[in-house]
Protein backbone atom coordinates (compact mmCIF):
# COMPACT_ATOMS: atom_id res chain seq x y z
CA MET A 1 -39.56 57.21 2.08
CA LEU A 2 -39.03 60.98 2.33
CA ILE A 3 -35.26 60.46 2.46
CA PHE A 4 -35.36 58.54 -0.83
CA ALA A 5 -37.57 61.24 -2.36
CA LEU A 6 -35.08 63.88 -1.20
CA LEU A 7 -32.20 62.05 -2.87
CA LEU A 8 -34.13 61.81 -6.15
CA ALA A 9 -35.21 65.46 -5.98
CA THR A 10 -31.63 66.59 -5.37
CA LEU A 11 -30.31 64.59 -8.31
CA PHE A 12 -33.14 66.03 -10.43
CA LEU A 13 -32.03 69.52 -9.38
CA ALA A 14 -28.43 68.64 -10.29
CA TYR A 15 -29.54 67.34 -13.71
CA SER A 16 -31.55 70.53 -14.31
CA ASN A 17 -28.56 72.60 -13.26
CA GLY A 18 -26.33 70.81 -15.76
CA ALA A 19 -28.86 71.21 -18.56
CA ASN A 20 -29.21 74.95 -17.98
CA ASP A 21 -25.68 75.86 -16.87
CA ASN A 22 -23.06 73.51 -18.29
CA PHE A 23 -22.79 75.15 -21.71
CA LYS A 24 -22.36 78.66 -20.35
CA GLY A 25 -18.64 78.20 -19.87
CA VAL A 26 -18.11 77.24 -23.52
CA ALA A 27 -20.81 79.36 -25.15
CA THR A 28 -18.24 81.77 -26.56
CA LEU A 29 -16.33 78.89 -28.21
CA PHE A 30 -19.45 77.86 -30.10
CA GLY A 31 -20.69 81.42 -30.69
CA SER A 32 -17.39 82.57 -32.22
CA GLN A 33 -17.20 79.43 -34.40
CA THR A 34 -13.97 78.40 -32.70
CA THR A 35 -15.28 74.86 -32.35
CA SER A 36 -18.37 72.72 -32.86
CA TYR A 37 -21.23 72.19 -30.41
CA LYS A 38 -20.16 68.59 -29.76
CA VAL A 39 -16.57 69.49 -28.84
CA ALA A 40 -17.76 72.43 -26.74
CA ILE A 41 -20.27 70.45 -24.68
CA TRP A 42 -17.78 67.65 -23.96
CA LEU A 43 -15.16 70.16 -22.84
CA ALA A 44 -17.76 71.78 -20.58
CA THR A 45 -18.83 68.42 -19.17
CA LEU A 46 -15.34 67.21 -18.29
CA ALA A 47 -14.20 70.53 -16.84
CA THR A 48 -17.40 70.96 -14.81
CA PHE A 49 -17.07 67.46 -13.40
CA ALA A 50 -13.48 68.22 -12.39
CA GLY A 51 -14.76 71.34 -10.61
CA SER A 52 -17.39 69.26 -8.83
CA LEU A 53 -14.70 66.94 -7.49
CA ALA A 54 -12.50 69.87 -6.44
CA SER A 55 -15.39 71.42 -4.49
CA ILE A 56 -15.03 68.61 -1.95
CA PHE A 57 -11.93 70.35 -0.65
CA LEU A 58 -12.42 74.02 -1.59
CA ALA A 59 -16.03 75.07 -1.01
CA GLU A 60 -17.05 74.44 2.61
CA THR A 61 -18.54 77.93 3.09
CA LEU A 62 -21.07 77.43 0.29
CA LEU A 63 -22.13 74.12 1.85
CA LYS A 64 -23.10 75.97 5.02
CA ASN A 65 -24.80 78.91 3.29
CA PHE A 66 -27.27 76.76 1.36
CA SER A 67 -28.18 74.38 4.17
CA GLY A 68 -30.85 76.83 5.34
CA LYS A 69 -29.24 77.34 8.75
CA GLY A 70 -29.25 80.96 9.79
CA LEU A 71 -32.29 81.66 7.63
CA VAL A 72 -34.67 79.49 9.64
CA PRO A 73 -34.34 77.72 13.01
CA ASP A 74 -32.08 74.66 12.98
CA ALA A 75 -34.99 72.34 13.76
CA ILE A 76 -36.63 73.31 10.47
CA ALA A 77 -33.38 73.57 8.51
CA ASP A 78 -32.60 69.97 9.52
CA SER A 79 -35.99 68.59 8.45
CA THR A 80 -36.39 66.40 5.38
CA GLU A 81 -39.59 68.23 4.37
CA PHE A 82 -37.82 71.58 4.20
CA HIS A 83 -34.97 70.29 2.04
CA LEU A 84 -37.30 68.33 -0.24
CA ALA A 85 -39.39 71.46 -0.83
CA VAL A 86 -36.26 73.47 -1.66
CA ALA A 87 -34.94 70.83 -4.09
CA LEU A 88 -38.26 70.52 -5.94
CA GLY A 89 -38.87 74.27 -6.02
CA ALA A 90 -35.47 75.03 -7.51
CA GLY A 91 -35.33 71.96 -9.77
CA LEU A 92 -38.71 72.52 -11.42
CA THR A 93 -37.98 76.21 -11.96
CA VAL A 94 -34.64 75.51 -13.63
CA ILE A 95 -35.92 72.70 -15.88
CA ILE A 96 -38.84 74.88 -17.09
CA ALA A 97 -36.39 77.63 -18.04
CA THR A 98 -34.14 75.08 -19.75
CA LEU A 99 -36.93 73.69 -21.91
CA THR A 100 -37.84 77.24 -23.02
CA GLY A 101 -34.24 78.22 -23.74
CA PHE A 102 -33.70 80.79 -20.97
CA PRO A 103 -30.36 80.79 -19.13
CA ILE A 104 -31.36 81.37 -15.51
CA SER A 105 -29.49 81.01 -12.24
CA THR A 106 -29.71 77.84 -10.17
CA THR A 107 -28.37 79.95 -7.30
CA HIS A 108 -31.31 82.32 -7.74
CA GLY A 109 -33.70 79.36 -7.88
CA LEU A 110 -32.28 77.88 -4.67
CA THR A 111 -32.49 81.25 -2.93
CA GLY A 112 -36.13 81.65 -3.91
CA ALA A 113 -36.92 78.10 -2.82
CA LEU A 114 -35.29 78.66 0.58
CA VAL A 115 -37.40 81.80 1.06
CA GLY A 116 -40.64 80.15 -0.04
CA ALA A 117 -40.32 77.15 2.25
CA GLY A 118 -39.06 79.37 5.08
CA LEU A 119 -42.04 81.72 4.86
CA VAL A 120 -44.49 78.82 5.12
CA ALA A 121 -42.52 77.32 8.01
CA ILE A 122 -42.04 80.40 10.22
CA GLY A 123 -43.67 83.32 8.41
CA THR A 124 -41.84 86.64 8.50
CA GLN A 125 -39.36 85.37 11.10
CA VAL A 126 -37.07 84.34 8.23
CA ASN A 127 -33.68 86.00 8.71
CA PHE A 128 -33.94 88.55 5.89
CA GLU A 129 -30.78 90.34 7.04
CA LYS A 130 -28.66 87.24 6.33
CA LEU A 131 -30.62 86.71 3.14
CA GLY A 132 -29.71 90.17 1.90
CA SER A 133 -26.01 90.13 2.79
CA SER A 134 -25.22 86.51 1.90
CA PHE A 135 -27.52 85.97 -1.09
CA PHE A 136 -29.23 88.96 -2.72
CA LEU A 137 -26.30 91.40 -2.65
CA PRO A 138 -23.84 89.11 -4.51
CA LEU A 139 -26.55 88.08 -7.01
CA LEU A 140 -27.46 91.72 -7.70
CA ILE A 141 -23.94 93.11 -7.98
CA SER A 142 -22.20 90.29 -9.90
CA PRO A 143 -23.86 90.84 -13.34
CA LEU A 144 -23.24 94.60 -13.12
CA VAL A 145 -19.58 94.01 -12.32
CA ALA A 146 -19.36 91.48 -15.18
CA ILE A 147 -20.86 93.91 -17.71
CA ALA A 148 -18.47 96.67 -16.63
CA LEU A 149 -15.39 94.42 -16.64
CA GLY A 150 -16.32 92.84 -19.98
CA ALA A 151 -16.75 96.26 -21.60
CA VAL A 152 -13.61 97.81 -20.07
CA LEU A 153 -11.34 94.81 -20.68
CA TYR A 154 -12.46 94.39 -24.29
CA GLY A 155 -12.04 98.12 -24.98
CA LEU A 156 -8.56 98.10 -23.44
CA LEU A 157 -7.34 94.97 -25.24
CA ARG A 158 -8.76 96.13 -28.56
CA PHE A 159 -6.82 99.37 -28.13
CA LEU A 160 -3.63 97.41 -27.35
CA ARG A 161 -4.18 95.12 -30.35
CA VAL A 162 -4.40 98.09 -32.69
CA ARG A 163 -1.33 99.75 -31.13
CA LEU A 164 0.68 96.53 -31.47
CA GLY A 165 -0.29 96.24 -35.12
CA ILE A 166 -2.20 92.96 -34.85
CA GLN A 167 -4.65 93.05 -37.74
CA LYS A 168 -7.73 91.01 -38.56
CA GLU A 169 -8.54 89.46 -41.92
CA TRP A 170 -11.71 88.11 -43.52
CA CYS A 171 -11.92 85.05 -45.67
CA ILE A 172 -13.72 85.24 -49.00
CA CYS A 173 -16.09 82.35 -49.58
CA ALA A 174 -16.54 81.38 -53.21
CA GLY A 175 -18.76 78.68 -54.60
CA GLU A 176 -21.47 77.85 -57.10
CA THR A 177 -25.21 78.29 -56.81
CA GLN A 178 -27.88 76.78 -59.03
CA GLN A 179 -30.66 78.85 -60.58
CA PHE A 180 -33.59 77.80 -62.75
CA ILE A 181 -34.21 80.16 -65.71
CA PRO A 182 -37.52 79.92 -67.63
CA ILE A 183 -36.98 79.79 -71.45
CA PRO A 184 -40.11 80.82 -73.48
CA GLN A 185 -41.25 78.38 -76.22
CA PRO A 186 -43.32 79.01 -79.39
CA ASP A 187 -46.35 77.19 -77.94
CA ALA A 188 -46.53 79.73 -75.01
CA THR A 189 -44.97 77.30 -72.56
CA ASN A 190 -41.73 77.62 -70.63
CA ILE A 191 -38.87 75.22 -70.17
CA LEU A 192 -36.86 75.55 -66.94
CA GLN A 193 -33.12 75.44 -67.57
CA CYS A 194 -30.70 74.98 -64.67
CA ILE A 195 -27.61 77.19 -64.82
CA LYS A 196 -24.73 77.53 -62.35
CA THR A 197 -23.38 80.90 -61.26
CA THR A 198 -20.43 81.85 -59.09
CA ASP A 199 -21.30 83.12 -55.62
CA VAL A 200 -18.76 85.19 -53.67
CA ALA A 201 -19.50 86.38 -50.13
CA VAL A 202 -17.72 88.23 -47.37
CA ASP A 203 -19.61 87.48 -44.19
CA SER A 204 -18.52 87.42 -40.56
CA THR A 205 -21.30 85.44 -38.94
CA GLU A 206 -22.51 82.72 -41.25
CA LYS A 207 -20.24 82.14 -44.24
CA CYS A 208 -16.84 83.40 -43.19
CA THR A 209 -14.53 83.39 -40.22
CA GLN A 210 -12.61 86.42 -39.02
CA ARG A 211 -9.04 85.63 -38.02
CA TYR A 212 -6.05 87.44 -36.54
CA ILE A 213 -2.97 87.65 -38.76
CA GLY A 214 0.68 87.74 -37.78
CA LYS A 215 2.81 85.60 -35.48
CA PHE A 216 4.03 85.59 -31.90
CA GLY A 217 7.32 83.74 -32.17
CA LYS A 218 6.61 80.55 -34.12
CA ILE A 219 2.91 80.51 -33.21
CA THR A 220 0.33 82.44 -35.22
CA ASN A 221 -1.73 85.02 -33.35
CA GLN A 222 -4.88 83.10 -34.26
CA GLN A 223 -3.55 79.88 -32.73
CA LEU A 224 -2.54 81.78 -29.60
CA VAL A 225 -5.99 83.32 -29.21
CA ASP A 226 -7.71 79.97 -29.79
CA ALA A 227 -5.47 78.18 -27.26
CA PHE A 228 -6.23 80.74 -24.56
CA HIS A 229 -9.91 80.65 -25.54
CA PHE A 230 -10.12 76.90 -24.96
CA LEU A 231 -8.17 77.27 -21.72
CA SER A 232 -10.47 80.04 -20.47
CA ALA A 233 -13.58 78.00 -21.36
CA GLY A 234 -12.22 75.10 -19.35
CA ILE A 235 -11.50 77.41 -16.42
CA VAL A 236 -15.03 78.87 -16.49
CA SER A 237 -16.59 75.40 -16.58
CA PHE A 238 -14.31 74.22 -13.78
CA ALA A 239 -15.27 77.29 -11.72
CA ARG A 240 -18.95 76.61 -12.33
CA GLY A 241 -18.64 73.05 -11.04
CA LEU A 242 -16.67 74.35 -8.06
CA ASN A 243 -19.29 76.99 -7.24
CA ASP A 244 -22.57 75.16 -7.97
CA THR A 245 -21.96 71.60 -6.72
CA PRO A 246 -21.76 72.42 -2.98
CA LYS A 247 -24.96 74.49 -3.20
CA ILE A 248 -26.84 71.42 -4.40
CA VAL A 249 -25.05 68.95 -2.12
CA SER A 250 -25.99 71.06 0.93
CA ILE A 251 -29.60 69.96 0.43
CA ILE A 252 -28.82 66.30 1.20
CA LEU A 253 -26.31 66.79 4.02
CA ILE A 254 -29.05 65.86 6.48
CA VAL A 255 -28.89 62.28 5.16
CA LYS A 256 -26.47 60.91 7.75
CA ALA A 257 -25.70 57.71 5.85
CA LEU A 258 -24.37 59.70 2.87
CA SER A 259 -20.82 61.04 2.99
CA ILE A 260 -19.97 64.45 1.59
CA GLN A 261 -17.60 62.81 -0.90
CA GLY A 262 -20.30 60.42 -2.12
CA ALA A 263 -22.82 63.23 -2.39
CA MET A 264 -20.41 65.41 -4.39
CA LEU A 265 -19.71 62.54 -6.79
CA ALA A 266 -23.40 61.74 -7.33
CA VAL A 267 -24.32 65.38 -7.88
CA GLY A 268 -21.34 65.86 -10.23
CA ILE A 269 -22.45 62.92 -12.37
CA ALA A 270 -26.04 64.21 -12.52
CA ILE A 271 -24.82 67.69 -13.54
CA ALA A 272 -22.69 66.16 -16.30
CA LEU A 273 -25.62 64.10 -17.65
CA GLY A 274 -27.91 67.14 -17.70
CA GLY A 275 -25.40 69.08 -19.79
CA ILE A 276 -24.83 66.30 -22.31
CA LEU A 277 -28.51 65.48 -22.81
CA ASN A 278 -30.41 68.75 -22.45
CA ALA A 279 -28.24 71.83 -23.08
CA ARG A 280 -28.99 72.66 -26.73
CA LYS A 281 -31.69 75.36 -26.36
CA VAL A 282 -29.83 77.35 -23.73
CA ALA A 283 -26.66 76.92 -25.82
CA GLU A 284 -28.29 78.67 -28.78
CA THR A 285 -29.39 81.58 -26.60
CA MET A 286 -26.01 82.05 -24.95
CA SER A 287 -23.90 81.52 -28.09
CA LYS A 288 -25.89 83.19 -30.84
CA LYS A 289 -28.61 85.49 -29.53
CA ILE A 290 -27.03 87.81 -26.94
CA THR A 291 -24.37 89.13 -29.33
CA ALA A 292 -22.35 88.11 -32.35
CA MET A 293 -18.73 87.60 -31.38
CA ASN A 294 -15.35 86.75 -32.82
CA HIS A 295 -12.54 84.72 -31.27
CA GLY A 296 -10.98 87.55 -29.28
CA GLN A 297 -14.29 88.83 -27.92
CA GLY A 298 -15.25 85.36 -26.77
CA LEU A 299 -11.90 84.94 -25.03
CA ILE A 300 -12.28 88.23 -23.12
CA ALA A 301 -15.82 87.37 -21.97
CA ASN A 302 -14.60 84.02 -20.66
CA VAL A 303 -11.64 85.55 -18.82
CA VAL A 304 -13.99 87.93 -16.99
CA THR A 305 -16.46 85.16 -16.14
CA GLY A 306 -13.84 82.72 -14.88
CA SER A 307 -12.05 85.33 -12.76
CA LEU A 308 -15.22 86.52 -11.03
CA VAL A 309 -16.67 83.05 -10.36
CA ILE A 310 -13.40 81.65 -8.97
CA ALA A 311 -12.93 84.72 -6.75
CA ALA A 312 -16.51 84.38 -5.47
CA SER A 313 -16.01 80.68 -4.69
CA GLY A 314 -12.92 81.49 -2.67
CA TYR A 315 -14.83 83.99 -0.53
CA GLY A 316 -17.94 81.80 -0.22
CA LEU A 317 -20.11 84.26 -2.18
CA PRO A 318 -23.02 82.56 -4.01
CA VAL A 319 -22.71 84.43 -7.31
CA SER A 320 -24.44 83.03 -10.35
CA THR A 321 -22.29 81.78 -13.21
CA THR A 322 -25.27 82.59 -15.43
CA HIS A 323 -25.44 86.22 -14.35
CA VAL A 324 -21.68 86.67 -14.67
CA SER A 325 -21.42 84.90 -18.03
CA VAL A 326 -24.37 86.72 -19.61
CA GLY A 327 -23.12 90.01 -18.17
CA SER A 328 -19.60 89.63 -19.55
CA ILE A 329 -20.84 88.57 -23.01
CA PHE A 330 -23.26 91.49 -23.11
CA GLY A 331 -20.57 93.92 -21.91
CA VAL A 332 -18.27 92.88 -24.76
CA GLY A 333 -21.21 93.17 -27.17
CA LEU A 334 -21.90 96.73 -26.02
CA ILE A 335 -18.40 97.86 -26.99
CA SER A 336 -18.45 95.96 -30.29
CA GLN A 337 -21.94 97.39 -30.93
CA LYS A 338 -23.37 93.97 -31.73
CA ALA A 339 -25.33 93.33 -28.51
CA ASN A 340 -28.98 92.33 -28.86
CA ALA A 341 -30.65 94.44 -26.18
CA LYS A 342 -34.06 92.80 -26.73
CA VAL A 343 -32.74 89.31 -25.94
CA PHE A 344 -30.81 90.66 -22.95
CA TYR A 345 -33.96 92.27 -21.53
CA GLN A 346 -35.87 89.01 -22.02
CA ILE A 347 -33.16 87.20 -20.06
CA LEU A 348 -33.35 89.87 -17.33
CA LEU A 349 -37.11 89.27 -17.09
CA SER A 350 -36.54 85.52 -16.70
CA TRP A 351 -34.10 86.31 -13.86
CA LEU A 352 -36.72 88.47 -12.13
CA LEU A 353 -39.29 85.69 -12.41
CA THR A 354 -36.95 82.95 -11.16
CA LEU A 355 -37.13 83.85 -7.48
CA PRO A 356 -40.93 84.19 -7.13
CA ILE A 357 -41.60 81.06 -9.20
CA ALA A 358 -39.14 78.97 -7.17
CA ALA A 359 -40.49 80.44 -3.93
CA THR A 360 -44.09 79.63 -4.90
CA ILE A 361 -43.36 76.02 -5.87
CA SER A 362 -41.27 75.45 -2.75
CA ALA A 363 -43.92 77.00 -0.51
CA ILE A 364 -46.65 74.78 -1.97
CA VAL A 365 -44.53 71.62 -1.62
CA TYR A 366 -43.58 72.41 1.97
CA TRP A 367 -47.20 73.24 2.88
CA LEU A 368 -48.36 69.89 1.45
CA LEU A 369 -45.56 67.89 3.15
CA SER A 370 -46.00 69.54 6.54
CA ARG A 371 -49.67 68.57 6.54
């Protein structure tokens, strides 16, 4: 019975992960108006699923890190109760954040859940040294590195763009608007007459699209930027699937009848479903609220995110795609002077609350199961 509950809880965690995380790789595509929400979420879904399948061969270290071994004694780390508590603690934390529109880290939620269940199981004998070096340090440093790289890379490439003479242009949107004008009558009444007037607007965020002019060979600069933007979004989503899937699969490795390949496939499908069905609120936060961005700024943020997450996966470091993605977008926004510091601080607060909330839920679940 507990084994079946563990399988369901793990798939619930995977679904929650997809709902909160899938869109982060393509947020800049939607935020810069490069493509629609529908196209962006399907690109994210397919690329993330491909990353989930690739993790079968490329992410063994992360499987070991999130099994709980090394943090608590093997006897506890191999127990169904411990893994069920971790899955529920992380899953409930992530789905709550998703429903409220906050992009939090599943990695952070899993780390908090491991700590919470571990503290109930063995008290302060939890291996905090391993916890600090293998979990907290990468989670703390990665967003700072992403902010710095996003700011520096955008500043450098903007400088190069100006030196190379690549200019930007704004479209002018013209149309008609209707207005109702009251016309006084002799009997002290008014008649409303509808008139049409021409409306012309130059607007970068709502009515108009900023584009790069000029050509590189036979391809326009705008087409080149958009092509690399789509490619980078696919890479970020692929990297997210590669980095997150093994963390979730590690929870159900104790089920002997389930192969690693089968577990990866099931978790990958659940992640994909979560993104398709429940990503809209987090998508709005990531795409529109952290900073306004154009095509080039979105591309640079994605390049930084994809590079850092792929590098971390290769070294077995459990960085958060959320932290890296938000950090790179905010770093670009700082240089363009469009960053919304208030929204960024709210997201930081949600990150700070993730660990204690996940730890509390996991601790309660493990306490109930062990008794």
